[in-house]
Amino acid sequence: MEVATQDPALNAIIGGILLVVFGSLAYGIYASFGPGKKDLRDTIDEHARMHELGIAHGHSPKDKHNPARSLF
């Protein structure tokens, strides 16, 4: 039988990567569902509301045909 050798440096690198990945995942869950969620905004919902009110992207009648205001 062959004896498998393990490199401690490789184990440290893999452990560090796993620590960063799982730490980021845990922080994301905490920020989304924990007390930090009070500071989060739903920017997509805010943008949709602005469209409903007619104030998103400068959709006022004076800017409607102004090529300088066009994004495309």
PDB file of N, CA and C in Angstrom:
ATOM      1  N   MET A   1       0.823  -1.182   0.000  1.00  0.00           N
ATOM      2  CA  MET A   1       0.000   0.000   0.000  1.00  0.00           C
ATOM      3  C   MET A   1       0.864   1.241   0.000  1.00  0.00           C
ATOM      4  N   GLU A   2       0.375   2.224  -0.716  1.00  0.00           N
ATOM      5  CA  GLU A   2       1.074   3.497  -0.733  1.00  0.00           C
ATOM      6  C   GLU A   2       0.552   4.380   0.394  1.00  0.00           C
ATOM      7  N   VAL A   3       1.447   5.135   0.959  1.00  0.00           N
ATOM      8  CA  VAL A   3       1.064   6.061   2.010  1.00  0.00           C
ATOM      9  C   VAL A   3       0.798   7.422   1.367  1.00  0.00           C
ATOM     10  N   ALA A   4      -0.387   7.944   1.610  1.00  0.00           N
ATOM     11  CA  ALA A   4      -0.730   9.257   1.055  1.00  0.00           C
ATOM     12  C   ALA A   4      -0.109  10.338   1.936  1.00  0.00           C
ATOM     13  N   THR A   5       0.619  11.234   1.299  1.00  0.00           N
ATOM     14  CA  THR A   5       1.198  12.338   2.049  1.00  0.00           C
ATOM     15  C   THR A   5       0.344  13.577   1.823  1.00  0.00           C
ATOM     16  N   GLN A   6       0.163  14.322   2.880  1.00  0.00           N
ATOM     17  CA  GLN A   6      -0.628  15.539   2.789  1.00  0.00           C
ATOM     18  C   GLN A   6       0.278  16.726   3.055  1.00  0.00           C
ATOM     19  N   ASP A   7       0.141  17.719   2.193  1.00  0.00           N
ATOM     20  CA  ASP A   7       0.937  18.925   2.325  1.00  0.00           C
ATOM     21  C   ASP A   7       0.197  19.884   3.258  1.00  0.00           C
ATOM     22  N   PRO A   8       0.788  20.292   4.378  1.00  0.00           N
ATOM     23  CA  PRO A   8       0.106  21.189   5.308  1.00  0.00           C
ATOM     24  C   PRO A   8      -0.194  22.562   4.693  1.00  0.00           C
ATOM     25  N   ALA A   9       0.636  23.018   3.765  1.00  0.00           N
ATOM     26  CA  ALA A   9       0.386  24.314   3.124  1.00  0.00           C
ATOM     27  C   ALA A   9      -0.871  24.246   2.261  1.00  0.00           C
ATOM     28  N   LEU A  10      -1.044  23.129   1.562  1.00  0.00           N
ATOM     29  CA  LEU A  10      -2.243  22.953   0.735  1.00  0.00           C
ATOM     30  C   LEU A  10      -3.495  22.909   1.602  1.00  0.00           C
ATOM     31  N   ASN A  11      -3.414  22.226   2.722  1.00  0.00           N
ATOM     32  CA  ASN A  11      -4.546  22.175   3.650  1.00  0.00           C
ATOM     33  C   ASN A  11      -4.878  23.570   4.190  1.00  0.00           C
ATOM     34  N   ALA A  12      -3.862  24.369   4.458  1.00  0.00           N
ATOM     35  CA  ALA A  12      -4.084  25.724   4.964  1.00  0.00           C
ATOM     36  C   ALA A  12      -4.742  26.598   3.899  1.00  0.00           C
ATOM     37  N   ILE A  13      -4.330  26.462   2.647  1.00  0.00           N
ATOM     38  CA  ILE A  13      -4.924  27.252   1.560  1.00  0.00           C
ATOM     39  C   ILE A  13      -6.385  26.861   1.351  1.00  0.00           C
ATOM     40  N   ILE A  14      -6.638  25.581   1.283  1.00  0.00           N
ATOM     41  CA  ILE A  14      -8.019  25.111   1.101  1.00  0.00           C
ATOM     42  C   ILE A  14      -8.881  25.518   2.291  1.00  0.00           C
ATOM     43  N   GLY A  15      -8.356  25.398   3.489  1.00  0.00           N
ATOM     44  CA  GLY A  15      -9.094  25.818   4.686  1.00  0.00           C
ATOM     45  C   GLY A  15      -9.394  27.306   4.674  1.00  0.00           C
ATOM     46  N   GLY A  16      -8.436  28.108   4.237  1.00  0.00           N
ATOM     47  CA  GLY A  16      -8.645  29.559   4.149  1.00  0.00           C
ATOM     48  C   GLY A  16      -9.721  29.912   3.138  1.00  0.00           C
ATOM     49  N   ILE A  17      -9.689  29.247   1.993  1.00  0.00           N
ATOM     50  CA  ILE A  17     -10.716  29.496   0.966  1.00  0.00           C
ATOM     51  C   ILE A  17     -12.094  29.103   1.479  1.00  0.00           C
ATOM     52  N   LEU A  18     -12.188  27.947   2.121  1.00  0.00           N
ATOM     53  CA  LEU A  18     -13.475  27.506   2.673  1.00  0.00           C
ATOM     54  C   LEU A  18     -13.966  28.463   3.758  1.00  0.00           C
ATOM     55  N   LEU A  19     -13.051  28.961   4.571  1.00  0.00           N
ATOM     56  CA  LEU A  19     -13.419  29.913   5.621  1.00  0.00           C
ATOM     57  C   LEU A  19     -13.988  31.200   5.021  1.00  0.00           C
ATOM     58  N   VAL A  20     -13.369  31.704   3.962  1.00  0.00           N
ATOM     59  CA  VAL A  20     -13.860  32.919   3.304  1.00  0.00           C
ATOM     60  C   VAL A  20     -15.224  32.671   2.672  1.00  0.00           C
ATOM     61  N   VAL A  21     -15.403  31.546   1.987  1.00  0.00           N
ATOM     62  CA  VAL A  21     -16.679  31.240   1.321  1.00  0.00           C
ATOM     63  C   VAL A  21     -17.801  31.101   2.342  1.00  0.00           C
ATOM     64  N   PHE A  22     -17.594  30.292   3.360  1.00  0.00           N
ATOM     65  CA  PHE A  22     -18.656  30.086   4.351  1.00  0.00           C
ATOM     66  C   PHE A  22     -18.866  31.318   5.228  1.00  0.00           C
ATOM     67  N   GLY A  23     -17.819  32.078   5.478  1.00  0.00           N
ATOM     68  CA  GLY A  23     -17.973  33.325   6.222  1.00  0.00           C
ATOM     69  C   GLY A  23     -18.799  34.334   5.445  1.00  0.00           C
ATOM     70  N   SER A  24     -18.549  34.444   4.148  1.00  0.00           N
ATOM     71  CA  SER A  24     -19.338  35.350   3.306  1.00  0.00           C
ATOM     72  C   SER A  24     -20.793  34.912   3.228  1.00  0.00           C
ATOM     73  N   LEU A  25     -21.016  33.621   3.118  1.00  0.00           N
ATOM     74  CA  LEU A  25     -22.378  33.087   3.085  1.00  0.00           C
ATOM     75  C   LEU A  25     -23.106  33.371   4.399  1.00  0.00           C
ATOM     76  N   ALA A  26     -22.431  33.146   5.510  1.00  0.00           N
ATOM     77  CA  ALA A  26     -23.052  33.405   6.811  1.00  0.00           C
ATOM     78  C   ALA A  26     -23.353  34.895   6.993  1.00  0.00           C
ATOM     79  N   TYR A  27     -22.446  35.761   6.568  1.00  0.00           N
ATOM     80  CA  TYR A  27     -22.691  37.195   6.690  1.00  0.00           C
ATOM     81  C   TYR A  27     -23.855  37.625   5.792  1.00  0.00           C
ATOM     82  N   GLY A  28     -23.953  37.067   4.602  1.00  0.00           N
ATOM     83  CA  GLY A  28     -25.057  37.395   3.706  1.00  0.00           C
ATOM     84  C   GLY A  28     -26.400  37.000   4.290  1.00  0.00           C
ATOM     85  N   ILE A  29     -26.458  35.828   4.912  1.00  0.00           N
ATOM     86  CA  ILE A  29     -27.700  35.386   5.563  1.00  0.00           C
ATOM     87  C   ILE A  29     -28.017  36.288   6.747  1.00  0.00           C
ATOM     88  N   TYR A  30     -27.015  36.625   7.522  1.00  0.00           N
ATOM     89  CA  TYR A  30     -27.216  37.513   8.674  1.00  0.00           C
ATOM     90  C   TYR A  30     -27.704  38.891   8.233  1.00  0.00           C
ATOM     91  N   ALA A  31     -27.091  39.448   7.177  1.00  0.00           N
ATOM     92  CA  ALA A  31     -27.471  40.780   6.716  1.00  0.00           C
ATOM     93  C   ALA A  31     -28.877  40.788   6.122  1.00  0.00           C
ATOM     94  N   SER A  32     -29.280  39.670   5.511  1.00  0.00           N
ATOM     95  CA  SER A  32     -30.597  39.605   4.876  1.00  0.00           C
ATOM     96  C   SER A  32     -31.726  39.356   5.863  1.00  0.00           C
ATOM     97  N   PHE A  33     -31.480  38.530   6.861  1.00  0.00           N
ATOM     98  CA  PHE A  33     -32.553  38.115   7.751  1.00  0.00           C
ATOM     99  C   PHE A  33     -32.374  38.550   9.197  1.00  0.00           C
ATOM    100  N   GLY A  34     -31.207  39.048   9.552  1.00  0.00           N
ATOM    101  CA  GLY A  34     -30.946  39.455  10.926  1.00  0.00           C
ATOM    102  C   GLY A  34     -31.295  40.906  11.150  1.00  0.00           C
ATOM    103  N   PRO A  35     -30.778  41.496  12.215  1.00  0.00           N
ATOM    104  CA  PRO A  35     -31.080  42.890  12.523  1.00  0.00           C
ATOM    105  C   PRO A  35     -30.550  43.866  11.468  1.00  0.00           C
ATOM    106  N   GLY A  36     -29.581  43.454  10.662  1.00  0.00           N
ATOM    107  CA  GLY A  36     -29.035  44.332   9.630  1.00  0.00           C
ATOM    108  C   GLY A  36     -29.978  44.583   8.472  1.00  0.00           C
ATOM    109  N   LYS A  37     -31.075  43.839   8.387  1.00  0.00           N
ATOM    110  CA  LYS A  37     -31.981  43.989   7.253  1.00  0.00           C
ATOM    111  C   LYS A  37     -32.727  45.323   7.280  1.00  0.00           C
ATOM    112  N   LYS A  38     -32.740  46.000   8.421  1.00  0.00           N
ATOM    113  CA  LYS A  38     -33.436  47.288   8.506  1.00  0.00           C
ATOM    114  C   LYS A  38     -32.786  48.334   7.614  1.00  0.00           C
ATOM    115  N   ASP A  39     -31.493  48.209   7.367  1.00  0.00           N
ATOM    116  CA  ASP A  39     -30.768  49.180   6.562  1.00  0.00           C
ATOM    117  C   ASP A  39     -30.805  48.868   5.063  1.00  0.00           C
ATOM    118  N   LEU A  40     -31.351  47.712   4.680  1.00  0.00           N
ATOM    119  CA  LEU A  40     -31.385  47.336   3.275  1.00  0.00           C
ATOM    120  C   LEU A  40     -32.584  47.963   2.574  1.00  0.00           C
ATOM    121  N   ARG A  41     -32.406  48.307   1.300  1.00  0.00           N
ATOM    122  CA  ARG A  41     -33.494  48.855   0.494  1.00  0.00           C
ATOM    123  C   ARG A  41     -33.753  47.926  -0.680  1.00  0.00           C
ATOM    124  N   ASP A  42     -34.994  47.887  -1.138  1.00  0.00           N
ATOM    125  CA  ASP A  42     -35.342  47.141  -2.333  1.00  0.00           C
ATOM    126  C   ASP A  42     -35.323  48.125  -3.495  1.00  0.00           C
ATOM    127  N   THR A  43     -34.169  48.246  -4.146  1.00  0.00           N
ATOM    128  CA  THR A  43     -34.007  49.261  -5.183  1.00  0.00           C
ATOM    129  C   THR A  43     -34.849  48.950  -6.414  1.00  0.00           C
ATOM    130  N   ILE A  44     -35.115  47.689  -6.694  1.00  0.00           N
ATOM    131  CA  ILE A  44     -35.953  47.342  -7.843  1.00  0.00           C
ATOM    132  C   ILE A  44     -37.381  47.797  -7.593  1.00  0.00           C
ATOM    133  N   ASP A  45     -37.879  47.585  -6.385  1.00  0.00           N
ATOM    134  CA  ASP A  45     -39.231  48.023  -6.044  1.00  0.00           C
ATOM    135  C   ASP A  45     -39.327  49.550  -6.076  1.00  0.00           C
ATOM    136  N   GLU A  46     -38.305  50.236  -5.579  1.00  0.00           N
ATOM    137  CA  GLU A  46     -38.302  51.704  -5.620  1.00  0.00           C
ATOM    138  C   GLU A  46     -38.313  52.202  -7.065  1.00  0.00           C
ATOM    139  N   HIS A  47     -37.561  51.549  -7.917  1.00  0.00           N
ATOM    140  CA  HIS A  47     -37.502  51.954  -9.322  1.00  0.00           C
ATOM    141  C   HIS A  47     -38.853  51.721 -10.006  1.00  0.00           C
ATOM    142  N   ALA A  48     -39.493  50.596  -9.694  1.00  0.00           N
ATOM    143  CA  ALA A  48     -40.812  50.320 -10.269  1.00  0.00           C
ATOM    144  C   ALA A  48     -41.824  51.363  -9.813  1.00  0.00           C
ATOM    145  N   ARG A  49     -41.757  51.765  -8.545  1.00  0.00           N
ATOM    146  CA  ARG A  49     -42.659  52.808  -8.046  1.00  0.00           C
ATOM    147  C   ARG A  49     -42.417  54.137  -8.753  1.00  0.00           C
ATOM    148  N   MET A  50     -41.160  54.440  -9.028  1.00  0.00           N
ATOM    149  CA  MET A  50     -40.846  55.674  -9.747  1.00  0.00           C
ATOM    150  C   MET A  50     -41.426  55.642 -11.159  1.00  0.00           C
ATOM    151  N   HIS A  51     -41.401  54.466 -11.795  1.00  0.00           N
ATOM    152  CA  HIS A  51     -42.018  54.335 -13.116  1.00  0.00           C
ATOM    153  C   HIS A  51     -43.531  54.556 -13.033  1.00  0.00           C
ATOM    154  N   GLU A  52     -44.154  54.002 -12.015  1.00  0.00           N
ATOM    155  CA  GLU A  52     -45.598  54.181 -11.854  1.00  0.00           C
ATOM    156  C   GLU A  52     -45.949  55.653 -11.668  1.00  0.00           C
ATOM    157  N   LEU A  53     -45.095  56.388 -10.975  1.00  0.00           N
ATOM    158  CA  LEU A  53     -45.338  57.809 -10.749  1.00  0.00           C
ATOM    159  C   LEU A  53     -44.888  58.677 -11.924  1.00  0.00           C
ATOM    160  N   GLY A  54     -44.172  58.081 -12.874  1.00  0.00           N
ATOM    161  CA  GLY A  54     -43.715  58.812 -14.049  1.00  0.00           C
ATOM    162  C   GLY A  54     -42.507  59.678 -13.817  1.00  0.00           C
ATOM    163  N   ILE A  55     -41.714  59.368 -12.787  1.00  0.00           N
ATOM    164  CA  ILE A  55     -40.545  60.203 -12.496  1.00  0.00           C
ATOM    165  C   ILE A  55     -39.225  59.474 -12.707  1.00  0.00           C
ATOM    166  N   ALA A  56     -39.260  58.243 -13.169  1.00  0.00           N
ATOM    167  CA  ALA A  56     -38.013  57.508 -13.420  1.00  0.00           C
ATOM    168  C   ALA A  56     -37.433  57.933 -14.763  1.00  0.00           C
ATOM    169  N   HIS A  57     -36.147  58.071 -14.834  1.00  0.00           N
ATOM    170  CA  HIS A  57     -35.407  58.392 -16.056  1.00  0.00           C
ATOM    171  C   HIS A  57     -35.793  59.736 -16.649  1.00  0.00           C
ATOM    172  N   GLY A  58     -36.354  60.619 -15.892  1.00  0.00           N
ATOM    173  CA  GLY A  58     -36.717  61.922 -16.428  1.00  0.00           C
ATOM    174  C   GLY A  58     -37.809  61.840 -17.477  1.00  0.00           C
ATOM    175  N   HIS A  59     -38.850  61.083 -17.204  1.00  0.00           N
ATOM    176  CA  HIS A  59     -39.934  60.898 -18.163  1.00  0.00           C
ATOM    177  C   HIS A  59     -40.930  62.048 -18.164  1.00  0.00           C
ATOM    178  N   SER A  60     -40.489  63.221 -17.860  1.00  0.00           N
ATOM    179  CA  SER A  60     -41.404  64.353 -17.901  1.00  0.00           C
ATOM    180  C   SER A  60     -41.592  64.778 -19.363  1.00  0.00           C
ATOM    181  N   PRO A  61     -42.704  65.434 -19.704  1.00  0.00           N
ATOM    182  CA  PRO A  61     -42.957  65.813 -21.101  1.00  0.00           C
ATOM    183  C   PRO A  61     -41.866  66.697 -21.694  1.00  0.00           C
ATOM    184  N   LYS A  62     -41.254  67.565 -20.910  1.00  0.00           N
ATOM    185  CA  LYS A  62     -40.224  68.452 -21.468  1.00  0.00           C
ATOM    186  C   LYS A  62     -38.961  67.688 -21.852  1.00  0.00           C
ATOM    187  N   ASP A  63     -38.684  66.545 -21.196  1.00  0.00           N
ATOM    188  CA  ASP A  63     -37.483  65.768 -21.498  1.00  0.00           C
ATOM    189  C   ASP A  63     -37.752  64.608 -22.447  1.00  0.00           C
ATOM    190  N   LYS A  64     -38.990  64.410 -22.850  1.00  0.00           N
ATOM    191  CA  LYS A  64     -39.351  63.222 -23.606  1.00  0.00           C
ATOM    192  C   LYS A  64     -38.607  63.125 -24.933  1.00  0.00           C
ATOM    193  N   HIS A  65     -38.456  64.244 -25.642  1.00  0.00           N
ATOM    194  CA  HIS A  65     -37.821  64.193 -26.954  1.00  0.00           C
ATOM    195  C   HIS A  65     -36.484  64.902 -26.973  1.00  0.00           C
ATOM    196  N   ASN A  66     -35.860  65.039 -25.820  1.00  0.00           N
ATOM    197  CA  ASN A  66     -34.561  65.678 -25.726  1.00  0.00           C
ATOM    198  C   ASN A  66     -33.472  64.624 -25.907  1.00  0.00           C
ATOM    199  N   PRO A  67     -32.741  64.616 -27.032  1.00  0.00           N
ATOM    200  CA  PRO A  67     -31.741  63.587 -27.250  1.00  0.00           C
ATOM    201  C   PRO A  67     -30.595  63.628 -26.234  1.00  0.00           C
ATOM    202  N   ALA A  68     -30.374  64.774 -25.622  1.00  0.00           N
ATOM    203  CA  ALA A  68     -29.304  64.863 -24.621  1.00  0.00           C
ATOM    204  C   ALA A  68     -29.636  64.056 -23.377  1.00  0.00           C
ATOM    205  N   ARG A  69     -30.920  63.839 -23.096  1.00  0.00           N
ATOM    206  CA  ARG A  69     -31.341  63.074 -21.928  1.00  0.00           C
ATOM    207  C   ARG A  69     -31.474  61.581 -22.216  1.00  0.00           C
ATOM    208  N   SER A  70     -31.355  61.175 -23.464  1.00  0.00           N
ATOM    209  CA  SER A  70     -31.559  59.787 -23.839  1.00  0.00           C
ATOM    210  C   SER A  70     -30.370  58.935 -23.395  1.00  0.00           C
ATOM    211  N   LEU A  71     -30.664  57.746 -22.883  1.00  0.00           N
ATOM    212  CA  LEU A  71     -29.603  56.830 -22.468  1.00  0.00           C
ATOM    213  C   LEU A  71     -29.131  55.975 -23.641  1.00  0.00           C
ATOM    214  N   PHE A  72     -29.956  55.814 -24.665  1.00  0.00           N
ATOM    215  CA  PHE A  72     -29.602  54.955 -25.800  1.00  0.00           C
ATOM    216  C   PHE A  72     -29.663  55.710 -27.096  1.00  0.00           C
TER     217      PHE A  72
END
